[in-house]
Amino acid sequence: MKRVAMMVADGSEPIEVIAPVDALRRGGAEVTLVSVMGRLDLMAAHGVALKADALVEAVDLDDFSMIVVPGGSVGVENLGKSEPLAEALQSFMTHDRMLGAICAGPTILASLGLLDGKRATCYPGCEGGFPEGSYTGEIGVVVDGNLITASGPGQALPFGIELLHALSGDAAADKVASDMLLR
């Protein structure tokens, strides 16, 4: 079973959490919403209540096949304060394990120096901390090896399908996309 840690915090962009989680679960992935806030009940952006499945302190992020970082400016600020998340992101990139980040989420990777030599996208205007040549400027989803990034909320479902593709291959991703009337 492919296991995914969807990182969540107060202020996370709800569609960037829910849409990828939905696509991944439809494709058979086991997705855990992992809170960095020290509690399971969260208030996402736009007044949307979220309930995480686990606290970051109670899981070993290394046990997951993929870590996903959603956007939302306040959410990214909160996620960026998590030392266990920072350590896991560094480990995953070092060991060429799968990482996903959407909207402002890639700024956490940039702040940790993890986008060096990688192509990535993010919400326009958030690319200031990206290393030279990394930001593609694309509105959509960008895949560079183990790294999958997307530009913003409107790309949350295609992003989820691409995460599923990376985890489970063409057949699973194509079936979910077709079932959801994306293709």
C-alpha atoms as a PDB file:
ATOM      1  CA  MET A   1       0.000   0.000   0.000  1.00  0.00           C
ATOM      2  CA  LYS A   2       1.335   3.411  -0.967  1.00  0.00           C
ATOM      3  CA  ARG A   3       1.203   5.781   2.011  1.00  0.00           C
ATOM      4  CA  VAL A   4       1.023   9.549   1.674  1.00  0.00           C
ATOM      5  CA  ALA A   5       1.451  12.189   4.384  1.00  0.00           C
ATOM      6  CA  MET A   6      -0.627  15.262   3.534  1.00  0.00           C
ATOM      7  CA  MET A   7       0.740  17.909   5.837  1.00  0.00           C
ATOM      8  CA  VAL A   8      -1.844  20.293   7.301  1.00  0.00           C
ATOM      9  CA  ALA A   9      -1.941  23.336   9.560  1.00  0.00           C
ATOM     10  CA  ASP A  10      -4.192  26.185  10.507  1.00  0.00           C
ATOM     11  CA  GLY A  11      -4.467  28.312   7.374  1.00  0.00           C
ATOM     12  CA  SER A  12      -3.823  25.541   4.829  1.00  0.00           C
ATOM     13  CA  GLU A  13      -5.650  26.085   1.531  1.00  0.00           C
ATOM     14  CA  PRO A  14      -8.532  23.594   1.844  1.00  0.00           C
ATOM     15  CA  ILE A  15      -8.938  22.696  -1.842  1.00  0.00           C
ATOM     16  CA  GLU A  16      -5.200  21.985  -2.043  1.00  0.00           C
ATOM     17  CA  VAL A  17      -5.638  19.459   0.768  1.00  0.00           C
ATOM     18  CA  ILE A  18      -8.994  17.893  -0.111  1.00  0.00           C
ATOM     19  CA  ALA A  19      -8.731  17.564  -3.914  1.00  0.00           C
ATOM     20  CA  PRO A  20      -5.374  15.727  -3.926  1.00  0.00           C
ATOM     21  CA  VAL A  21      -6.430  13.552  -0.969  1.00  0.00           C
ATOM     22  CA  ASP A  22      -9.639  12.636  -2.818  1.00  0.00           C
ATOM     23  CA  ALA A  23      -7.781  11.702  -6.026  1.00  0.00           C
ATOM     24  CA  LEU A  24      -5.147   9.715  -4.141  1.00  0.00           C
ATOM     25  CA  ARG A  25      -7.675   7.782  -2.061  1.00  0.00           C
ATOM     26  CA  ARG A  26      -9.785   7.007  -5.138  1.00  0.00           C
ATOM     27  CA  GLY A  27      -6.621   5.515  -6.615  1.00  0.00           C
ATOM     28  CA  GLY A  28      -6.027   3.286  -3.612  1.00  0.00           C
ATOM     29  CA  ALA A  29      -3.403   5.296  -1.729  1.00  0.00           C
ATOM     30  CA  GLU A  30      -3.549   5.435   2.054  1.00  0.00           C
ATOM     31  CA  VAL A  31      -3.461   9.153   2.895  1.00  0.00           C
ATOM     32  CA  THR A  32      -2.901  10.500   6.388  1.00  0.00           C
ATOM     33  CA  LEU A  33      -3.599  14.164   7.142  1.00  0.00           C
ATOM     34  CA  VAL A  34      -0.719  15.061   9.456  1.00  0.00           C
ATOM     35  CA  SER A  35      -1.089  18.165  11.632  1.00  0.00           C
ATOM     36  CA  VAL A  36       1.881  20.274  12.702  1.00  0.00           C
ATOM     37  CA  MET A  37      -0.276  22.291  15.123  1.00  0.00           C
ATOM     38  CA  GLY A  38      -0.207  19.966  18.147  1.00  0.00           C
ATOM     39  CA  ARG A  39      -3.931  19.228  17.693  1.00  0.00           C
ATOM     40  CA  LEU A  40      -6.154  17.419  15.215  1.00  0.00           C
ATOM     41  CA  ASP A  41      -8.888  20.066  14.815  1.00  0.00           C
ATOM     42  CA  LEU A  42      -7.691  22.792  12.470  1.00  0.00           C
ATOM     43  CA  MET A  43      -9.097  25.902  10.841  1.00  0.00           C
ATOM     44  CA  ALA A  44      -8.008  25.991   7.236  1.00  0.00           C
ATOM     45  CA  ALA A  45      -8.143  29.116   5.093  1.00  0.00           C
ATOM     46  CA  HIS A  46     -11.556  30.586   4.263  1.00  0.00           C
ATOM     47  CA  GLY A  47     -13.056  29.348   7.534  1.00  0.00           C
ATOM     48  CA  VAL A  48     -13.028  25.679   6.493  1.00  0.00           C
ATOM     49  CA  ALA A  49     -12.675  23.274   9.422  1.00  0.00           C
ATOM     50  CA  LEU A  50     -10.305  20.352   8.871  1.00  0.00           C
ATOM     51  CA  LYS A  51      -9.678  17.357  11.094  1.00  0.00           C
ATOM     52  CA  ALA A  52      -6.267  15.775  10.807  1.00  0.00           C
ATOM     53  CA  ASP A  53      -5.719  12.050  11.268  1.00  0.00           C
ATOM     54  CA  ALA A  54      -2.479  12.296  13.232  1.00  0.00           C
ATOM     55  CA  LEU A  55      -0.031  14.697  14.827  1.00  0.00           C
ATOM     56  CA  VAL A  56       3.423  15.056  13.295  1.00  0.00           C
ATOM     57  CA  GLU A  57       4.897  14.127  16.686  1.00  0.00           C
ATOM     58  CA  ALA A  58       3.022  10.817  16.649  1.00  0.00           C
ATOM     59  CA  VAL A  59       4.120   9.577  13.200  1.00  0.00           C
ATOM     60  CA  ASP A  60       7.393   8.748  11.536  1.00  0.00           C
ATOM     61  CA  LEU A  61       7.283  10.666   8.255  1.00  0.00           C
ATOM     62  CA  ASP A  62       9.965   8.328   6.953  1.00  0.00           C
ATOM     63  CA  ASP A  63       7.335   5.551   6.905  1.00  0.00           C
ATOM     64  CA  PHE A  64       5.440   7.294   4.096  1.00  0.00           C
ATOM     65  CA  SER A  65       5.987   6.884   0.353  1.00  0.00           C
ATOM     66  CA  MET A  66       5.317  10.572  -0.318  1.00  0.00           C
ATOM     67  CA  ILE A  67       4.983  13.854   1.565  1.00  0.00           C
ATOM     68  CA  VAL A  68       2.677  16.575   0.205  1.00  0.00           C
ATOM     69  CA  VAL A  69       2.760  20.238   1.243  1.00  0.00           C
ATOM     70  CA  PRO A  70      -0.317  22.344   0.456  1.00  0.00           C
ATOM     71  CA  GLY A  71      -0.361  26.130   0.163  1.00  0.00           C
ATOM     72  CA  GLY A  72      -2.246  28.901   1.876  1.00  0.00           C
ATOM     73  CA  SER A  73      -0.036  31.720   3.136  1.00  0.00           C
ATOM     74  CA  VAL A  74      -0.839  31.234   6.832  1.00  0.00           C
ATOM     75  CA  GLY A  75      -0.732  27.455   6.424  1.00  0.00           C
ATOM     76  CA  VAL A  76       2.694  27.614   4.795  1.00  0.00           C
ATOM     77  CA  GLU A  77       3.924  29.882   7.572  1.00  0.00           C
ATOM     78  CA  ASN A  78       2.733  27.313  10.130  1.00  0.00           C
ATOM     79  CA  LEU A  79       4.099  24.317   8.187  1.00  0.00           C
ATOM     80  CA  GLY A  80       7.425  26.107   7.771  1.00  0.00           C
ATOM     81  CA  LYS A  81       7.862  26.209  11.566  1.00  0.00           C
ATOM     82  CA  SER A  82       7.745  22.408  11.882  1.00  0.00           C
ATOM     83  CA  GLU A  83      11.194  20.953  12.498  1.00  0.00           C
ATOM     84  CA  PRO A  84      10.026  17.329  11.969  1.00  0.00           C
ATOM     85  CA  LEU A  85       8.595  18.338   8.585  1.00  0.00           C
ATOM     86  CA  ALA A  86      11.764  20.209   7.598  1.00  0.00           C
ATOM     87  CA  GLU A  87      13.910  17.204   8.525  1.00  0.00           C
ATOM     88  CA  ALA A  88      11.652  14.823   6.587  1.00  0.00           C
ATOM     89  CA  LEU A  89      11.602  17.053   3.495  1.00  0.00           C
ATOM     90  CA  GLN A  90      15.402  17.216   3.516  1.00  0.00           C
ATOM     91  CA  SER A  91      15.656  13.452   3.918  1.00  0.00           C
ATOM     92  CA  PHE A  92      13.133  12.773   1.141  1.00  0.00           C
ATOM     93  CA  MET A  93      14.920  15.058  -1.307  1.00  0.00           C
ATOM     94  CA  THR A  94      18.342  13.657  -0.384  1.00  0.00           C
ATOM     95  CA  HIS A  95      17.123  10.095  -0.944  1.00  0.00           C
ATOM     96  CA  ASP A  96      15.158  10.909  -4.124  1.00  0.00           C
ATOM     97  CA  ARG A  97      11.832  10.056  -2.494  1.00  0.00           C
ATOM     98  CA  MET A  98       8.556  11.567  -3.711  1.00  0.00           C
ATOM     99  CA  LEU A  99       7.572  15.077  -2.663  1.00  0.00           C
ATOM    100  CA  GLY A 100       4.618  17.188  -3.728  1.00  0.00           C
ATOM    101  CA  ALA A 101       3.992  20.885  -3.076  1.00  0.00           C
ATOM    102  CA  ILE A 102       1.353  23.264  -4.414  1.00  0.00           C
ATOM    103  CA  CYS A 103       0.725  27.017  -4.458  1.00  0.00           C
ATOM    104  CA  ALA A 104       2.922  28.621  -1.774  1.00  0.00           C
ATOM    105  CA  GLY A 105       3.993  25.168  -0.510  1.00  0.00           C
ATOM    106  CA  PRO A 106       7.123  25.040  -2.710  1.00  0.00           C
ATOM    107  CA  THR A 107       8.459  28.094  -0.850  1.00  0.00           C
ATOM    108  CA  ILE A 108       9.143  25.799   2.125  1.00  0.00           C
ATOM    109  CA  LEU A 109      11.274  23.604  -0.135  1.00  0.00           C
ATOM    110  CA  ALA A 110      13.064  26.684  -1.480  1.00  0.00           C
ATOM    111  CA  SER A 111      13.779  27.986   2.035  1.00  0.00           C
ATOM    112  CA  LEU A 112      15.395  24.634   2.869  1.00  0.00           C
ATOM    113  CA  GLY A 113      17.575  24.750  -0.272  1.00  0.00           C
ATOM    114  CA  LEU A 114      15.765  21.760  -1.777  1.00  0.00           C
ATOM    115  CA  LEU A 115      14.973  23.290  -5.171  1.00  0.00           C
ATOM    116  CA  ASP A 116      18.594  23.626  -6.302  1.00  0.00           C
ATOM    117  CA  GLY A 117      18.867  21.976  -9.716  1.00  0.00           C
ATOM    118  CA  LYS A 118      15.099  21.312  -9.826  1.00  0.00           C
ATOM    119  CA  ARG A 119      12.361  22.752 -12.026  1.00  0.00           C
ATOM    120  CA  ALA A 120       9.319  23.838 -10.033  1.00  0.00           C
ATOM    121  CA  THR A 121       6.307  26.093 -10.086  1.00  0.00           C
ATOM    122  CA  CYS A 122       4.301  27.878  -7.408  1.00  0.00           C
ATOM    123  CA  TYR A 123       1.685  30.572  -7.036  1.00  0.00           C
ATOM    124  CA  PRO A 124       2.835  33.581  -9.090  1.00  0.00           C
ATOM    125  CA  GLY A 125       4.668  35.995  -6.832  1.00  0.00           C
ATOM    126  CA  CYS A 126       5.865  33.303  -4.396  1.00  0.00           C
ATOM    127  CA  GLU A 127       8.974  32.439  -6.409  1.00  0.00           C
ATOM    128  CA  GLY A 128      11.229  35.083  -4.813  1.00  0.00           C
ATOM    129  CA  GLY A 129      13.207  32.557  -2.764  1.00  0.00           C
ATOM    130  CA  PHE A 130      13.607  30.061  -5.603  1.00  0.00           C
ATOM    131  CA  PRO A 131      17.156  29.433  -6.826  1.00  0.00           C
ATOM    132  CA  GLU A 132      18.116  30.844 -10.221  1.00  0.00           C
ATOM    133  CA  GLY A 133      16.613  28.811 -13.066  1.00  0.00           C
ATOM    134  CA  SER A 134      14.282  26.765 -10.869  1.00  0.00           C
ATOM    135  CA  TYR A 135      11.001  28.645 -11.328  1.00  0.00           C
ATOM    136  CA  THR A 136       9.268  27.634 -14.559  1.00  0.00           C
ATOM    137  CA  GLY A 137       6.494  30.209 -14.371  1.00  0.00           C
ATOM    138  CA  GLU A 138       4.019  27.577 -15.532  1.00  0.00           C
ATOM    139  CA  ILE A 139       0.385  27.682 -14.487  1.00  0.00           C
ATOM    140  CA  GLY A 140      -0.221  23.969 -14.009  1.00  0.00           C
ATOM    141  CA  VAL A 141       1.713  20.987 -12.713  1.00  0.00           C
ATOM    142  CA  VAL A 142       5.472  20.532 -13.102  1.00  0.00           C
ATOM    143  CA  VAL A 143       7.214  17.191 -12.573  1.00  0.00           C
ATOM    144  CA  ASP A 144      10.974  17.009 -12.120  1.00  0.00           C
ATOM    145  CA  GLY A 145      12.076  13.559 -11.008  1.00  0.00           C
ATOM    146  CA  ASN A 146      10.826  12.952  -7.469  1.00  0.00           C
ATOM    147  CA  LEU A 147       9.364  16.470  -7.174  1.00  0.00           C
ATOM    148  CA  ILE A 148       5.823  17.401  -8.238  1.00  0.00           C
ATOM    149  CA  THR A 149       4.753  21.027  -7.889  1.00  0.00           C
ATOM    150  CA  ALA A 150       1.633  22.918  -8.921  1.00  0.00           C
ATOM    151  CA  SER A 151       0.811  26.583  -9.239  1.00  0.00           C
ATOM    152  CA  GLY A 152      -2.343  27.068  -7.221  1.00  0.00           C
ATOM    153  CA  PRO A 153      -5.867  26.162  -6.095  1.00  0.00           C
ATOM    154  CA  GLY A 154      -7.254  25.683  -9.607  1.00  0.00           C
ATOM    155  CA  GLN A 155      -4.602  23.025 -10.207  1.00  0.00           C
ATOM    156  CA  ALA A 156      -5.381  21.005  -7.076  1.00  0.00           C
ATOM    157  CA  LEU A 157      -7.182  18.158  -8.856  1.00  0.00           C
ATOM    158  CA  PRO A 158      -4.678  17.788 -11.738  1.00  0.00           C
ATOM    159  CA  PHE A 159      -1.958  17.933  -9.062  1.00  0.00           C
ATOM    160  CA  GLY A 160      -3.659  15.075  -7.187  1.00  0.00           C
ATOM    161  CA  ILE A 161      -3.851  13.021 -10.375  1.00  0.00           C
ATOM    162  CA  GLU A 162      -0.141  13.618 -11.021  1.00  0.00           C
ATOM    163  CA  LEU A 163       0.703  12.592  -7.447  1.00  0.00           C
ATOM    164  CA  LEU A 164      -1.292   9.405  -8.010  1.00  0.00           C
ATOM    165  CA  HIS A 165       0.526   8.842 -11.300  1.00  0.00           C
ATOM    166  CA  ALA A 166       3.884   9.093  -9.516  1.00  0.00           C
ATOM    167  CA  LEU A 167       2.748   6.667  -6.814  1.00  0.00           C
ATOM    168  CA  SER A 168       0.773   4.110  -8.783  1.00  0.00           C
ATOM    169  CA  GLY A 169       1.391   4.578 -12.508  1.00  0.00           C
ATOM    170  CA  ASP A 170      -0.586   5.365 -15.643  1.00  0.00           C
ATOM    171  CA  ALA A 171      -3.451   2.915 -15.208  1.00  0.00           C
ATOM    172  CA  ALA A 172      -4.453   4.099 -11.726  1.00  0.00           C
ATOM    173  CA  ALA A 173      -4.104   7.792 -12.589  1.00  0.00           C
ATOM    174  CA  ASP A 174      -5.937   7.441 -15.896  1.00  0.00           C
ATOM    175  CA  LYS A 175      -8.808   5.511 -14.283  1.00  0.00           C
ATOM    176  CA  VAL A 176      -9.302   8.076 -11.519  1.00  0.00           C
ATOM    177  CA  ALA A 177      -9.031  10.979 -13.973  1.00  0.00           C
ATOM    178  CA  SER A 178     -11.551   9.315 -16.283  1.00  0.00           C
ATOM    179  CA  ASP A 179     -13.928   8.456 -13.437  1.00  0.00           C
ATOM    180  CA  MET A 180     -13.769  12.096 -12.294  1.00  0.00           C
ATOM    181  CA  LEU A 181     -14.424  13.297 -15.883  1.00  0.00           C
ATOM    182  CA  LEU A 182     -11.040  14.997 -16.102  1.00  0.00           C
ATOM    183  CA  ARG A 183     -10.046  13.078 -19.240  1.00  0.00           C
END
